[in-house]
Amino acid sequence: MQTIQDFFTHDHRDCDHRLADLETSVADKDWATAENACVQFQHDLERHLQREETLLFPAIETFTGSSGGPTEVMRREHDQMRALLADVRDTLARQEVDACLGNIETLMTLIQLHNVKEEQILYPMADKHLSGQRDGLMDQVRTLEPA
């Protein structure tokens, strides 16, 4: 069975590629493609965030006995990503190339900094401490779709 680290890291890369596709479309002023890329990115990002917030983080919190600490920080950063994505969507709808690209760049930076923390700290910790429930947890993770 695939590790938590491998699955979620791969999921990060998929989202990164979707965001890069969006950036390219906006830079090219290909608005129809940009809109489709944004819809796909938003779906993939939200699915990833919900996989963590509804399944992975609660499992970690049960193990640690605390909803504070790293999972709390990650949730706050998720909220920041959602807010930045709303800004991207707003500037995309108005076809404001420079503003949209600026919002995408800010979102990319936040995501990259966030991913490093998860990939270097949170996921290895989850693989180590949740090994007994990993297979069942990952089965749930794979089937979750955004609400």
C-alpha atoms as a PDB file:
ATOM      1  CA  MET A   1       0.000   0.000   0.000  1.00  0.00           C
ATOM      2  CA  GLN A   2       1.179   3.511  -0.835  1.00  0.00           C
ATOM      3  CA  THR A   3       2.488   5.643   2.017  1.00  0.00           C
ATOM      4  CA  ILE A   4       0.781   8.816   3.197  1.00  0.00           C
ATOM      5  CA  GLN A   5       3.923  10.712   2.199  1.00  0.00           C
ATOM      6  CA  ASP A   6       3.906   9.349  -1.360  1.00  0.00           C
ATOM      7  CA  PHE A   7       0.196   9.854  -1.944  1.00  0.00           C
ATOM      8  CA  PHE A   8      -0.048  13.405  -0.655  1.00  0.00           C
ATOM      9  CA  THR A   9       3.235  14.504  -2.223  1.00  0.00           C
ATOM     10  CA  HIS A  10       1.969  13.246  -5.587  1.00  0.00           C
ATOM     11  CA  ASP A  11      -1.292  15.091  -4.954  1.00  0.00           C
ATOM     12  CA  HIS A  12       0.713  18.274  -4.306  1.00  0.00           C
ATOM     13  CA  ARG A  13       2.496  17.901  -7.635  1.00  0.00           C
ATOM     14  CA  ASP A  14      -0.779  17.402  -9.489  1.00  0.00           C
ATOM     15  CA  CYS A  15      -2.125  20.638  -7.988  1.00  0.00           C
ATOM     16  CA  ASP A  16       1.147  22.431  -8.826  1.00  0.00           C
ATOM     17  CA  HIS A  17       0.810  21.424 -12.475  1.00  0.00           C
ATOM     18  CA  ARG A  18      -2.800  22.606 -12.600  1.00  0.00           C
ATOM     19  CA  LEU A  19      -1.817  25.995 -11.177  1.00  0.00           C
ATOM     20  CA  ALA A  20       1.044  26.284 -13.687  1.00  0.00           C
ATOM     21  CA  ASP A  21      -1.438  25.536 -16.491  1.00  0.00           C
ATOM     22  CA  LEU A  22      -3.649  28.340 -15.201  1.00  0.00           C
ATOM     23  CA  GLU A  23      -0.726  30.744 -15.045  1.00  0.00           C
ATOM     24  CA  THR A  24       0.295  29.959 -18.622  1.00  0.00           C
ATOM     25  CA  SER A  25      -3.251  30.459 -19.916  1.00  0.00           C
ATOM     26  CA  VAL A  26      -3.589  33.813 -18.164  1.00  0.00           C
ATOM     27  CA  ALA A  27      -0.203  34.967 -19.459  1.00  0.00           C
ATOM     28  CA  ASP A  28      -1.322  33.994 -22.968  1.00  0.00           C
ATOM     29  CA  LYS A  29      -4.645  35.815 -22.424  1.00  0.00           C
ATOM     30  CA  ASP A  30      -6.412  32.612 -23.403  1.00  0.00           C
ATOM     31  CA  TRP A  31      -9.389  33.338 -21.175  1.00  0.00           C
ATOM     32  CA  ALA A  32     -11.508  30.294 -22.008  1.00  0.00           C
ATOM     33  CA  THR A  33      -8.623  27.933 -21.308  1.00  0.00           C
ATOM     34  CA  ALA A  34      -7.728  29.917 -18.185  1.00  0.00           C
ATOM     35  CA  GLU A  35     -11.270  29.604 -16.856  1.00  0.00           C
ATOM     36  CA  ASN A  36     -11.262  25.842 -17.427  1.00  0.00           C
ATOM     37  CA  ALA A  37      -7.812  25.548 -15.836  1.00  0.00           C
ATOM     38  CA  CYS A  38      -9.003  27.545 -12.836  1.00  0.00           C
ATOM     39  CA  VAL A  39     -12.064  25.330 -12.370  1.00  0.00           C
ATOM     40  CA  GLN A  40      -9.889  22.210 -12.546  1.00  0.00           C
ATOM     41  CA  PHE A  41      -7.279  23.658 -10.172  1.00  0.00           C
ATOM     42  CA  GLN A  42      -9.940  24.730  -7.687  1.00  0.00           C
ATOM     43  CA  HIS A  43     -11.479  21.240  -7.741  1.00  0.00           C
ATOM     44  CA  ASP A  44      -8.131  19.497  -7.264  1.00  0.00           C
ATOM     45  CA  LEU A  45      -6.964  21.899  -4.564  1.00  0.00           C
ATOM     46  CA  GLU A  46     -10.230  21.659  -2.634  1.00  0.00           C
ATOM     47  CA  ARG A  47     -10.209  17.863  -2.863  1.00  0.00           C
ATOM     48  CA  HIS A  48      -6.651  17.821  -1.515  1.00  0.00           C
ATOM     49  CA  LEU A  49      -7.467  20.227   1.326  1.00  0.00           C
ATOM     50  CA  GLN A  50     -10.581  18.300   2.303  1.00  0.00           C
ATOM     51  CA  ARG A  51      -8.662  15.013   2.259  1.00  0.00           C
ATOM     52  CA  GLU A  52      -6.345  16.508   4.828  1.00  0.00           C
ATOM     53  CA  GLU A  53      -8.903  18.416   6.895  1.00  0.00           C
ATOM     54  CA  THR A  54     -11.548  15.697   7.137  1.00  0.00           C
ATOM     55  CA  LEU A  55      -9.400  12.546   7.229  1.00  0.00           C
ATOM     56  CA  LEU A  56      -5.657  12.970   7.741  1.00  0.00           C
ATOM     57  CA  PHE A  57      -5.605  15.806  10.273  1.00  0.00           C
ATOM     58  CA  PRO A  58      -8.256  14.259  12.554  1.00  0.00           C
ATOM     59  CA  ALA A  59      -6.286  10.980  12.559  1.00  0.00           C
ATOM     60  CA  ILE A  60      -3.122  12.858  13.520  1.00  0.00           C
ATOM     61  CA  GLU A  61      -5.004  14.824  16.173  1.00  0.00           C
ATOM     62  CA  THR A  62      -6.435  11.638  17.657  1.00  0.00           C
ATOM     63  CA  PHE A  63      -2.931  10.213  17.907  1.00  0.00           C
ATOM     64  CA  THR A  64      -1.404  13.364  19.434  1.00  0.00           C
ATOM     65  CA  GLY A  65      -4.412  14.184  21.598  1.00  0.00           C
ATOM     66  CA  SER A  66      -4.389  17.776  20.366  1.00  0.00           C
ATOM     67  CA  SER A  67      -6.038  19.775  17.616  1.00  0.00           C
ATOM     68  CA  GLY A  68      -3.409  22.479  18.005  1.00  0.00           C
ATOM     69  CA  GLY A  69       0.113  22.437  16.714  1.00  0.00           C
ATOM     70  CA  PRO A  70       0.952  21.565  13.130  1.00  0.00           C
ATOM     71  CA  THR A  71      -2.571  20.696  11.984  1.00  0.00           C
ATOM     72  CA  GLU A  72      -3.906  24.006  13.272  1.00  0.00           C
ATOM     73  CA  VAL A  73      -1.202  25.885  11.353  1.00  0.00           C
ATOM     74  CA  MET A  74      -1.953  23.869   8.207  1.00  0.00           C
ATOM     75  CA  ARG A  75      -5.685  24.651   8.465  1.00  0.00           C
ATOM     76  CA  ARG A  76      -4.968  28.387   8.753  1.00  0.00           C
ATOM     77  CA  GLU A  77      -2.773  28.182   5.666  1.00  0.00           C
ATOM     78  CA  HIS A  78      -5.527  26.295   3.835  1.00  0.00           C
ATOM     79  CA  ASP A  79      -7.866  29.196   4.608  1.00  0.00           C
ATOM     80  CA  GLN A  80      -5.288  31.622   3.215  1.00  0.00           C
ATOM     81  CA  MET A  81      -5.049  29.536   0.025  1.00  0.00           C
ATOM     82  CA  ARG A  82      -8.807  29.604  -0.397  1.00  0.00           C
ATOM     83  CA  ALA A  83      -8.850  33.391   0.040  1.00  0.00           C
ATOM     84  CA  LEU A  84      -6.053  33.848  -2.499  1.00  0.00           C
ATOM     85  CA  LEU A  85      -7.823  31.568  -4.949  1.00  0.00           C
ATOM     86  CA  ALA A  86     -10.925  33.764  -4.609  1.00  0.00           C
ATOM     87  CA  ASP A  87      -8.708  36.728  -5.551  1.00  0.00           C
ATOM     88  CA  VAL A  88      -7.400  34.779  -8.557  1.00  0.00           C
ATOM     89  CA  ARG A  89     -10.947  33.992  -9.660  1.00  0.00           C
ATOM     90  CA  ASP A  90     -11.997  37.628  -9.245  1.00  0.00           C
ATOM     91  CA  THR A  91      -9.136  39.024 -11.331  1.00  0.00           C
ATOM     92  CA  LEU A  92      -9.558  36.223 -13.869  1.00  0.00           C
ATOM     93  CA  ALA A  93     -13.249  37.088 -14.286  1.00  0.00           C
ATOM     94  CA  ARG A  94     -12.249  40.704 -14.987  1.00  0.00           C
ATOM     95  CA  GLN A  95      -9.448  39.523 -17.330  1.00  0.00           C
ATOM     96  CA  GLU A  96      -6.871  41.591 -15.439  1.00  0.00           C
ATOM     97  CA  VAL A  97      -3.681  39.890 -16.581  1.00  0.00           C
ATOM     98  CA  ASP A  98      -1.144  41.537 -14.249  1.00  0.00           C
ATOM     99  CA  ALA A  99      -3.346  41.378 -11.154  1.00  0.00           C
ATOM    100  CA  CYS A 100      -4.298  37.779 -11.855  1.00  0.00           C
ATOM    101  CA  LEU A 101      -0.679  36.746 -12.435  1.00  0.00           C
ATOM    102  CA  GLY A 102       0.311  38.499  -9.207  1.00  0.00           C
ATOM    103  CA  ASN A 103      -2.367  36.632  -7.283  1.00  0.00           C
ATOM    104  CA  ILE A 104      -1.290  33.335  -8.862  1.00  0.00           C
ATOM    105  CA  GLU A 105       2.346  34.014  -7.931  1.00  0.00           C
ATOM    106  CA  THR A 106       1.392  34.777  -4.333  1.00  0.00           C
ATOM    107  CA  LEU A 107      -0.716  31.616  -4.180  1.00  0.00           C
ATOM    108  CA  MET A 108       2.122  29.542  -5.679  1.00  0.00           C
ATOM    109  CA  THR A 109       4.555  30.868  -3.084  1.00  0.00           C
ATOM    110  CA  LEU A 110       2.214  30.116  -0.196  1.00  0.00           C
ATOM    111  CA  ILE A 111       1.514  26.632  -1.530  1.00  0.00           C
ATOM    112  CA  GLN A 112       5.212  25.835  -1.965  1.00  0.00           C
ATOM    113  CA  LEU A 113       6.082  26.967   1.570  1.00  0.00           C
ATOM    114  CA  HIS A 114       3.098  25.034   2.923  1.00  0.00           C
ATOM    115  CA  ASN A 115       3.965  21.866   0.996  1.00  0.00           C
ATOM    116  CA  VAL A 116       7.509  21.811   2.351  1.00  0.00           C
ATOM    117  CA  LYS A 117       6.197  21.733   5.917  1.00  0.00           C
ATOM    118  CA  GLU A 118       3.756  18.956   5.166  1.00  0.00           C
ATOM    119  CA  GLU A 119       6.203  16.878   3.132  1.00  0.00           C
ATOM    120  CA  GLN A 120       9.116  17.216   5.548  1.00  0.00           C
ATOM    121  CA  ILE A 121       7.290  17.099   8.877  1.00  0.00           C
ATOM    122  CA  LEU A 122       3.609  16.188   8.838  1.00  0.00           C
ATOM    123  CA  TYR A 123       3.479  13.322   6.345  1.00  0.00           C
ATOM    124  CA  PRO A 124       6.520  11.460   7.706  1.00  0.00           C
ATOM    125  CA  MET A 125       5.069  11.810  11.208  1.00  0.00           C
ATOM    126  CA  ALA A 126       1.718  10.481   9.968  1.00  0.00           C
ATOM    127  CA  ASP A 127       3.360   7.508   8.248  1.00  0.00           C
ATOM    128  CA  LYS A 128       5.276   6.687  11.413  1.00  0.00           C
ATOM    129  CA  HIS A 129       2.450   7.027  13.915  1.00  0.00           C
ATOM    130  CA  LEU A 130      -0.559   5.975  11.840  1.00  0.00           C
ATOM    131  CA  SER A 131       0.949   2.853  10.307  1.00  0.00           C
ATOM    132  CA  GLY A 132      -1.665   0.575  11.897  1.00  0.00           C
ATOM    133  CA  GLN A 133      -4.562   2.456  10.339  1.00  0.00           C
ATOM    134  CA  ARG A 134      -2.838   3.721   7.178  1.00  0.00           C
ATOM    135  CA  ASP A 135      -4.473   1.305   4.703  1.00  0.00           C
ATOM    136  CA  GLY A 136      -8.028   2.082   5.838  1.00  0.00           C
ATOM    137  CA  LEU A 137      -7.306   5.792   6.059  1.00  0.00           C
ATOM    138  CA  MET A 138      -5.814   5.884   2.577  1.00  0.00           C
ATOM    139  CA  ASP A 139      -8.776   3.962   1.139  1.00  0.00           C
ATOM    140  CA  GLN A 140     -11.026   6.741   2.479  1.00  0.00           C
ATOM    141  CA  VAL A 141      -8.670   9.443   1.227  1.00  0.00           C
ATOM    142  CA  ARG A 142      -8.654   8.076  -2.317  1.00  0.00           C
ATOM    143  CA  THR A 143     -12.451   8.082  -2.587  1.00  0.00           C
ATOM    144  CA  LEU A 144     -13.137  11.506  -1.061  1.00  0.00           C
ATOM    145  CA  GLU A 145     -14.500  14.140  -3.434  1.00  0.00           C
ATOM    146  CA  PRO A 146     -15.068  17.785  -2.468  1.00  0.00           C
ATOM    147  CA  ALA A 147     -18.374  18.632  -0.851  1.00  0.00           C
END
